[in-house]
Amino acid sequence: MKKSFKLEDLDCANCAAKIEAAVSKMDGVSACTVNFLAQKLTLEADDDQFDEIVKKVAATVHRVDSDCTMIVK
């Protein structure tokens, strides 16, 4: 499954690159891209674990950049 999420208060392009690298290494994640200018994270992950992976990704985003929040609807 592939889905995009809005990132609020993403500070810099370096933080975006760090988030992208950290999320890409996670189990179950096929691909991850972070667009700093659009303040958007696009995630491609296993369908059967997608909701759990999204929670872990949101926690990772906050850990890498404590000011940034991933909006999950």
Protein backbone atom coordinates (compact mmCIF):
# COMPACT_ATOMS: atom_id res chain seq x y z
CA MET A 1 0.00 0.00 0.00
CA LYS A 2 1.19 3.50 -0.79
CA LYS A 3 -0.01 6.60 1.03
CA SER A 4 1.12 10.21 1.61
CA PHE A 5 1.07 12.08 4.91
CA LYS A 6 1.43 15.77 5.73
CA LEU A 7 4.35 16.77 7.93
CA GLU A 8 3.84 19.79 10.19
CA ASP A 9 6.77 21.95 11.28
CA LEU A 10 9.48 20.07 9.38
CA ASP A 11 12.49 22.28 10.12
CA CYS A 12 14.99 21.71 7.31
CA ALA A 13 15.97 19.62 4.32
CA ASN A 14 18.60 17.84 6.41
CA CYS A 15 15.92 16.67 8.86
CA ALA A 16 13.83 15.48 5.90
CA ALA A 17 16.79 13.42 4.63
CA LYS A 18 17.35 11.93 8.09
CA ILE A 19 13.67 10.99 8.40
CA GLU A 20 13.68 9.42 4.93
CA ALA A 21 16.80 7.37 5.73
CA ALA A 22 15.48 6.19 9.11
CA VAL A 23 12.05 5.19 7.80
CA SER A 24 13.49 3.45 4.72
CA LYS A 25 15.43 1.09 7.01
CA MET A 26 12.34 -0.02 8.95
CA ASP A 27 10.98 -3.56 8.59
CA GLY A 28 8.00 -3.76 6.26
CA VAL A 29 8.77 -0.48 4.49
CA SER A 30 9.25 -0.85 0.73
CA ALA A 31 9.95 2.82 0.01
CA CYS A 32 9.83 6.20 1.69
CA THR A 33 10.31 9.68 0.28
CA VAL A 34 10.17 12.96 2.15
CA ASN A 35 9.59 16.17 0.21
CA PHE A 36 10.78 19.10 2.33
CA LEU A 37 9.21 21.83 0.16
CA ALA A 38 5.83 20.08 0.07
CA GLN A 39 6.11 19.04 3.75
CA LYS A 40 5.00 15.55 2.71
CA LEU A 41 6.07 11.97 3.47
CA THR A 42 5.14 9.23 1.00
CA LEU A 43 5.21 5.72 2.42
CA GLU A 44 5.01 2.38 0.64
CA ALA A 45 4.71 -0.59 3.01
CA ASP A 46 3.22 -4.06 3.50
CA ASP A 47 -0.59 -4.01 3.31
CA ASP A 48 -1.15 -6.42 6.21
CA GLN A 49 0.96 -4.37 8.67
CA PHE A 50 0.33 -0.89 7.25
CA ASP A 51 -1.47 0.66 10.25
CA GLU A 52 1.18 -0.54 12.71
CA ILE A 53 3.99 0.64 10.42
CA VAL A 54 2.36 4.09 10.16
CA LYS A 55 2.39 4.39 13.96
CA LYS A 56 6.08 3.46 14.07
CA VAL A 57 6.86 5.91 11.25
CA ALA A 58 5.07 8.73 13.10
CA ALA A 59 7.13 7.97 16.22
CA THR A 60 10.34 7.91 14.17
CA VAL A 61 9.50 11.25 12.55
CA HIS A 62 9.05 12.82 15.98
CA ARG A 63 12.24 11.19 17.30
CA VAL A 64 14.36 12.52 14.41
CA ASP A 65 12.82 16.03 14.49
CA SER A 66 11.08 16.71 17.80
CA ASP A 67 9.24 19.73 16.36
CA CYS A 68 7.80 17.76 13.43
CA THR A 69 4.48 15.91 13.54
CA MET A 70 3.15 13.46 10.95
CA ILE A 71 -0.59 13.98 10.40
CA VAL A 72 -2.36 10.61 10.33
CA LYS A 73 -6.07 10.73 9.44
